[in-house]
N, C-alpha and C. Protein backbone atom coordinates (compact mmCIF):
# COMPACT_ATOMS: atom_id res chain seq x y z
N UNK A 1 0.94 -1.05 0.21
CA UNK A 1 -0.07 0.07 -0.01
C UNK A 1 1.15 1.47 0.09
N UNK A 2 2.15 1.33 1.07
CA UNK A 2 2.74 2.49 0.85
C UNK A 2 3.36 2.69 -0.50
N UNK A 3 3.68 1.50 -1.10
CA UNK A 3 4.69 1.67 -2.37
C UNK A 3 3.81 2.53 -3.61
N UNK A 4 1.91 2.49 -3.58
CA UNK A 4 1.39 3.17 -4.43
C UNK A 4 1.39 4.72 -3.92
N UNK A 5 1.40 4.97 -2.70
CA UNK A 5 1.32 6.33 -2.42
C UNK A 5 2.82 6.67 -2.86
N UNK A 6 3.90 6.12 -2.68
CA UNK A 6 4.93 6.99 -3.20
C UNK A 6 4.98 7.13 -4.56
N UNK A 7 4.24 6.04 -5.26
CA UNK A 7 4.34 6.37 -6.88
C UNK A 7 3.78 7.51 -7.20
N UNK A 8 2.65 7.89 -6.52
CA UNK A 8 2.45 9.23 -6.75
C UNK A 8 2.79 10.59 -6.68
N UNK A 9 4.03 10.26 -5.77
CA UNK A 9 4.49 11.48 -5.27
C UNK A 9 5.18 12.35 -6.75
N UNK A 10 5.32 13.60 -7.00
CA UNK A 10 6.33 14.06 -8.05
C UNK A 10 7.61 14.53 -7.57
N UNK A 11 8.41 14.20 -7.91
CA UNK A 11 9.78 14.42 -7.48
C UNK A 11 10.03 16.33 -7.53
N UNK A 12 9.14 16.65 -8.91
CA UNK A 12 9.58 18.08 -9.06
C UNK A 12 8.61 19.12 -7.80
N UNK A 13 7.56 18.30 -7.03
CA UNK A 13 6.96 19.20 -6.26
C UNK A 13 7.60 18.79 -4.99
N UNK A 14 8.10 17.61 -4.56
CA UNK A 14 8.47 17.08 -3.39
C UNK A 14 9.65 16.62 -3.22
N UNK A 15 10.99 17.37 -3.51
CA UNK A 15 12.21 16.87 -3.66
C UNK A 15 12.60 16.52 -2.06
N UNK A 16 12.32 17.10 -1.25
CA UNK A 16 12.88 16.93 0.39
C UNK A 16 12.22 15.44 0.75
N UNK A 17 11.18 15.07 0.22
CA UNK A 17 10.74 13.72 0.45
C UNK A 17 11.59 12.69 -0.37
N UNK A 18 11.82 12.67 -1.29
CA UNK A 18 12.81 11.88 -2.20
C UNK A 18 14.22 11.93 -1.39
N UNK A 19 14.66 13.25 -0.86
CA UNK A 19 15.74 13.08 -0.44
C UNK A 19 15.78 12.01 0.81
N UNK A 20 14.67 12.23 1.57
CA UNK A 20 14.58 11.53 2.73
C UNK A 20 14.28 10.13 2.62
N UNK A 21 13.42 9.63 1.34
CA UNK A 21 13.85 8.31 1.11
C UNK A 21 15.33 7.71 0.44
N UNK A 22 15.91 8.49 0.10
CA UNK A 22 17.33 8.22 -0.15
C UNK A 22 18.11 8.11 0.96
N UNK A 23 18.18 8.98 1.92
CA UNK A 23 18.76 8.60 3.08
C UNK A 23 18.41 7.27 4.04
N UNK A 24 17.02 7.42 3.93
CA UNK A 24 16.24 6.11 4.51
C UNK A 24 16.79 4.59 3.89
N UNK A 25 16.78 4.92 2.62
CA UNK A 25 17.32 3.42 1.71
C UNK A 25 18.94 3.29 2.02
N UNK A 26 19.70 3.91 1.80
CA UNK A 26 21.07 4.00 1.96
C UNK A 26 21.31 3.38 3.60
N UNK A 27 20.63 4.31 4.55
CA UNK A 27 21.05 4.04 5.94
C UNK A 27 20.54 2.74 6.31
N UNK A 28 19.20 2.18 5.85
CA UNK A 28 18.72 1.06 6.16
C UNK A 28 19.37 -0.21 5.61
N UNK A 29 19.69 0.18 4.18
CA UNK A 29 20.85 -0.84 3.78
C UNK A 29 22.06 -1.16 4.31
N UNK A 30 22.71 -0.29 4.70
CA UNK A 30 24.02 -0.51 5.49
C UNK A 30 23.86 -1.08 6.77
N UNK A 31 22.80 -0.78 7.24
CA UNK A 31 22.99 -0.99 8.92
C UNK A 31 22.31 -2.54 8.75
N UNK A 32 21.56 -2.90 7.90
CA UNK A 32 21.16 -4.41 7.77
C UNK A 32 22.16 -5.35 7.15
N UNK A 33 23.21 -4.95 6.51
CA UNK A 33 24.11 -5.54 5.81
C UNK A 33 25.36 -5.87 6.51
N UNK A 34 25.74 -4.65 7.40
CA UNK A 34 26.73 -4.54 7.95
C UNK A 34 26.83 -5.32 9.22
N UNK A 35 26.06 -5.94 9.75
CA UNK A 35 26.58 -7.04 10.93
C UNK A 35 26.40 -8.48 10.18
N UNK A 36 26.01 -8.44 9.27
CA UNK A 36 25.67 -9.71 8.62
C UNK A 36 27.44 -10.29 8.07
N UNK A 37 27.98 -9.09 7.55
CA UNK A 37 29.31 -9.19 7.05
C UNK A 37 30.37 -8.89 8.09
N UNK A 38 29.99 -8.75 8.86
CA UNK A 38 31.24 -8.24 10.10
C UNK A 38 31.80 -6.71 10.05
N UNK A 39 31.02 -5.89 9.48
CA UNK A 39 31.25 -4.55 9.52
C UNK A 39 30.77 -3.97 10.53
N UNK A 40 31.14 -3.14 11.74
CA UNK A 40 30.91 -2.50 12.89
C UNK A 40 31.50 -0.98 12.99
N UNK A 41 30.43 -0.18 13.95
CA UNK A 41 30.91 1.17 14.14
C UNK A 41 31.10 1.88 13.13
N UNK A 42 31.82 2.90 13.09
CA UNK A 42 32.31 4.08 12.07
C UNK A 42 30.89 4.91 11.50
N UNK A 43 31.17 5.80 10.90
CA UNK A 43 29.79 6.64 10.19
C UNK A 43 29.51 6.05 8.67
N UNK A 44 28.61 6.44 8.32
CA UNK A 44 27.86 5.94 7.04
C UNK A 44 29.13 5.60 5.97
N UNK A 45 29.80 6.96 5.71
CA UNK A 45 30.50 6.69 4.72
C UNK A 45 31.52 5.56 5.00
N UNK A 46 32.11 5.62 5.76
CA UNK A 46 33.38 4.61 6.00
C UNK A 46 32.19 3.21 6.13
N UNK A 47 30.86 3.02 6.59
CA UNK A 47 30.49 1.92 6.71
C UNK A 47 30.26 1.24 5.32
N UNK A 48 29.86 2.42 4.43
CA UNK A 48 29.63 2.17 3.19
C UNK A 48 30.54 1.65 2.24
N UNK A 49 31.75 2.04 2.57
CA UNK A 49 32.91 1.43 1.55
C UNK A 49 33.45 0.19 2.25
N UNK A 50 33.35 -0.14 3.72
CA UNK A 50 33.55 -1.29 4.14
C UNK A 50 32.79 -2.37 3.55
N UNK A 51 31.61 -2.15 3.28
CA UNK A 51 30.60 -3.13 3.00
C UNK A 51 30.70 -3.27 1.41
N UNK A 52 31.16 -2.47 0.72
CA UNK A 52 31.21 -2.43 -0.65
C UNK A 52 32.64 -3.28 -0.99
N UNK A 53 33.64 -3.10 -0.07
CA UNK A 53 34.73 -3.75 -0.04
C UNK A 53 34.61 -5.30 0.03
N UNK A 54 34.10 -5.80 0.99
CA UNK A 54 33.58 -7.10 1.72
C UNK A 54 32.69 -7.64 0.54
N UNK A 55 31.76 -7.16 0.02
CA UNK A 55 30.59 -7.70 -0.94
C UNK A 55 31.58 -7.96 -2.26
N UNK A 56 32.53 -7.13 -2.56
CA UNK A 56 33.68 -7.27 -3.58
C UNK A 56 34.40 -8.57 -3.49
N UNK A 57 34.79 -8.55 -2.38
CA UNK A 57 35.54 -9.70 -1.82
C UNK A 57 34.83 -11.20 -2.08
N UNK A 58 33.62 -10.90 -1.47
CA UNK A 58 32.76 -12.26 -1.68
C UNK A 58 32.51 -12.53 -2.98
N UNK A 59 32.56 -11.76 -4.20
CA UNK A 59 32.09 -12.08 -5.33
C UNK A 59 30.69 -11.32 -5.59
N UNK A 60 30.09 -10.66 -5.01
CA UNK A 60 28.36 -9.91 -5.17
C UNK A 60 28.42 -9.31 -6.27
N UNK A 61 30.12 -8.38 -6.40
CA UNK A 61 29.88 -7.48 -7.76
C UNK A 61 31.34 -7.22 -7.86
N UNK A 62 31.87 -6.66 -8.80
CA UNK A 62 32.91 -6.05 -9.29
C UNK A 62 33.68 -5.03 -8.88
N UNK A 63 35.07 -5.04 -8.71
CA UNK A 63 35.43 -3.84 -8.33
C UNK A 63 35.19 -2.30 -8.96
N UNK A 64 34.46 -2.13 -9.77
CA UNK A 64 33.97 -1.01 -10.65
C UNK A 64 32.99 -0.35 -9.57
N UNK A 65 31.94 -1.48 -9.08
CA UNK A 65 31.01 -0.83 -7.98
C UNK A 65 31.64 -0.39 -6.88
N UNK A 66 33.04 -1.24 -6.62
CA UNK A 66 33.41 -1.01 -4.93
C UNK A 66 34.07 0.55 -5.17
N UNK A 67 34.84 0.59 -6.68
CA UNK A 67 35.46 1.81 -6.86
C UNK A 67 34.46 3.05 -6.62
N UNK A 68 33.24 2.87 -7.12
CA UNK A 68 32.35 4.12 -7.01
C UNK A 68 31.94 4.42 -5.64
N UNK A 69 31.51 3.43 -5.11
CA UNK A 69 31.19 3.96 -3.55
C UNK A 69 32.52 4.51 -3.08
N UNK A 70 33.95 3.92 -3.29
CA UNK A 70 34.76 4.22 -2.81
C UNK A 70 35.04 6.09 -3.08
N UNK A 71 34.77 6.18 -4.18
CA UNK A 71 34.77 7.46 -4.77
C UNK A 71 33.92 8.85 -3.95
N UNK A 72 32.62 8.00 -3.62
CA UNK A 72 31.59 9.19 -2.86
C UNK A 72 31.48 8.91 -1.47
N UNK A 73 32.34 7.74 -0.99
CA UNK A 73 32.09 7.89 0.50
C UNK A 73 33.21 8.38 1.14
N UNK A 74 34.51 8.51 0.37
CA UNK A 74 35.76 9.11 0.80
C UNK A 74 36.15 10.81 0.55
N UNK A 75 35.39 11.04 -0.66
CA UNK A 75 35.71 12.53 -0.91
C UNK A 75 35.13 13.60 -0.11
N UNK A 76 35.28 14.77 0.21
CA UNK A 76 34.64 15.71 0.61
C UNK A 76 33.23 16.30 -0.15
N UNK A 77 32.19 16.25 0.39
CA UNK A 77 31.09 16.42 -0.41
C UNK A 77 30.54 15.19 -1.32
N UNK A 78 31.38 13.55 -1.20
CA UNK A 78 30.72 12.85 -1.57
C UNK A 78 29.16 12.10 -1.23
N UNK A 79 28.63 11.39 -2.03
CA UNK A 79 27.19 10.97 -2.13
C UNK A 79 27.18 10.49 -0.59
N UNK A 80 27.70 9.48 -0.10
CA UNK A 80 27.61 8.89 1.10
C UNK A 80 27.73 9.59 2.27
N UNK A 81 28.51 10.71 2.40
CA UNK A 81 28.44 11.70 3.34
C UNK A 81 27.36 11.89 3.63
N UNK A 82 26.85 11.91 5.10
CA UNK A 82 25.32 11.58 5.74
C UNK A 82 25.49 13.52 5.46
N UNK A 83 26.12 14.24 5.97
CA UNK A 83 25.96 15.80 5.63
C UNK A 83 25.01 16.29 4.45
N UNK A 84 25.46 15.59 3.39
CA UNK A 84 24.91 16.15 2.19
C UNK A 84 23.49 15.86 2.10
N UNK A 85 23.18 14.65 2.27
CA UNK A 85 21.56 14.01 2.07
C UNK A 85 20.91 14.89 3.22
N UNK A 86 21.54 14.96 4.79
CA UNK A 86 20.82 15.41 5.68
C UNK A 86 20.75 16.86 5.87
N UNK A 87 21.53 17.44 5.08
CA UNK A 87 21.12 19.15 4.56
C UNK A 87 19.90 19.13 3.62
N UNK A 88 19.64 18.44 2.88
CA UNK A 88 18.31 18.38 2.37
C UNK A 88 17.09 18.01 2.85
N UNK A 89 17.45 17.33 3.90
CA UNK A 89 16.35 16.71 4.69
C UNK A 89 15.94 17.84 6.16
N UNK A 90 16.98 18.36 6.72
CA UNK A 90 16.69 19.21 7.71
C UNK A 90 16.83 20.79 7.83
N UNK A 91 17.62 20.99 6.82
CA UNK A 91 18.07 22.47 6.47
C UNK A 91 16.57 23.58 6.41
N UNK A 92 16.57 24.36 7.22
CA UNK A 92 15.33 25.40 7.06
C UNK A 92 15.63 26.64 5.94
N UNK A 93 16.92 26.54 5.51
CA UNK A 93 17.48 27.48 4.37
C UNK A 93 17.65 26.93 3.11
N UNK A 94 17.68 25.56 2.94
CA UNK A 94 18.00 25.15 1.59
C UNK A 94 16.96 24.16 1.16
N UNK A 95 16.16 24.58 0.28
CA UNK A 95 15.28 23.71 -0.48
C UNK A 95 15.73 22.68 -1.64
N UNK A 96 16.27 21.90 -1.67
CA UNK A 96 17.04 21.15 -2.97
C UNK A 96 15.91 21.44 -4.17
N UNK A 97 16.63 21.31 -5.15
CA UNK A 97 15.78 21.30 -6.16
C UNK A 97 15.91 20.01 -6.88
N UNK A 98 14.90 19.81 -8.04
CA UNK A 98 14.61 18.44 -8.45
C UNK A 98 15.77 17.98 -8.90
N UNK A 99 16.57 18.67 -9.65
CA UNK A 99 18.11 18.06 -10.40
C UNK A 99 18.91 17.66 -9.14
N UNK A 100 19.03 18.35 -7.97
CA UNK A 100 19.98 18.10 -6.99
C UNK A 100 19.47 16.75 -6.60
N UNK A 101 18.27 16.73 -6.43
CA UNK A 101 18.13 15.32 -5.97
C UNK A 101 18.18 13.97 -7.01
N UNK A 102 17.73 14.46 -8.13
CA UNK A 102 17.96 13.64 -9.42
C UNK A 102 19.16 12.77 -9.36
N UNK A 103 19.99 13.94 -9.36
CA UNK A 103 21.73 13.39 -9.25
C UNK A 103 21.77 12.60 -8.04
N UNK A 104 21.58 12.68 -6.77
CA UNK A 104 21.77 11.74 -6.07
C UNK A 104 21.26 10.40 -6.60
N UNK A 105 20.10 10.13 -6.75
CA UNK A 105 19.39 8.89 -7.37
C UNK A 105 20.06 8.52 -8.47
N UNK A 106 20.54 9.46 -9.26
CA UNK A 106 21.33 8.63 -10.56
C UNK A 106 22.63 8.16 -9.95
N UNK A 107 23.16 8.80 -9.16
CA UNK A 107 24.47 8.09 -8.83
C UNK A 107 24.51 7.05 -8.18
N UNK A 108 23.54 6.91 -7.32
CA UNK A 108 23.08 5.46 -6.54
C UNK A 108 22.99 4.40 -7.41
């Protein structure tokens, strides 16, 4: 039922909701996978990189995906730095545009 409600949302008019969904998706995925493969502690960016490296070692995907996650989780302003997504979710001065949120989803 919730899926059908989400499908009715329009990114053009509700970019913050999409930013929240992206944050929840990334954070929940990392929190669920981390303990299963022995990744503990750290912030979201570091955990994302550790999870990517471990899944690459286990053969779930190749180094290209791991390198992409590494690029965004370790560089300042990277996609997986929680502050970037957090700024869209909680800022009272910044309203993300459709293109900014689209870029986050595209990179994901």
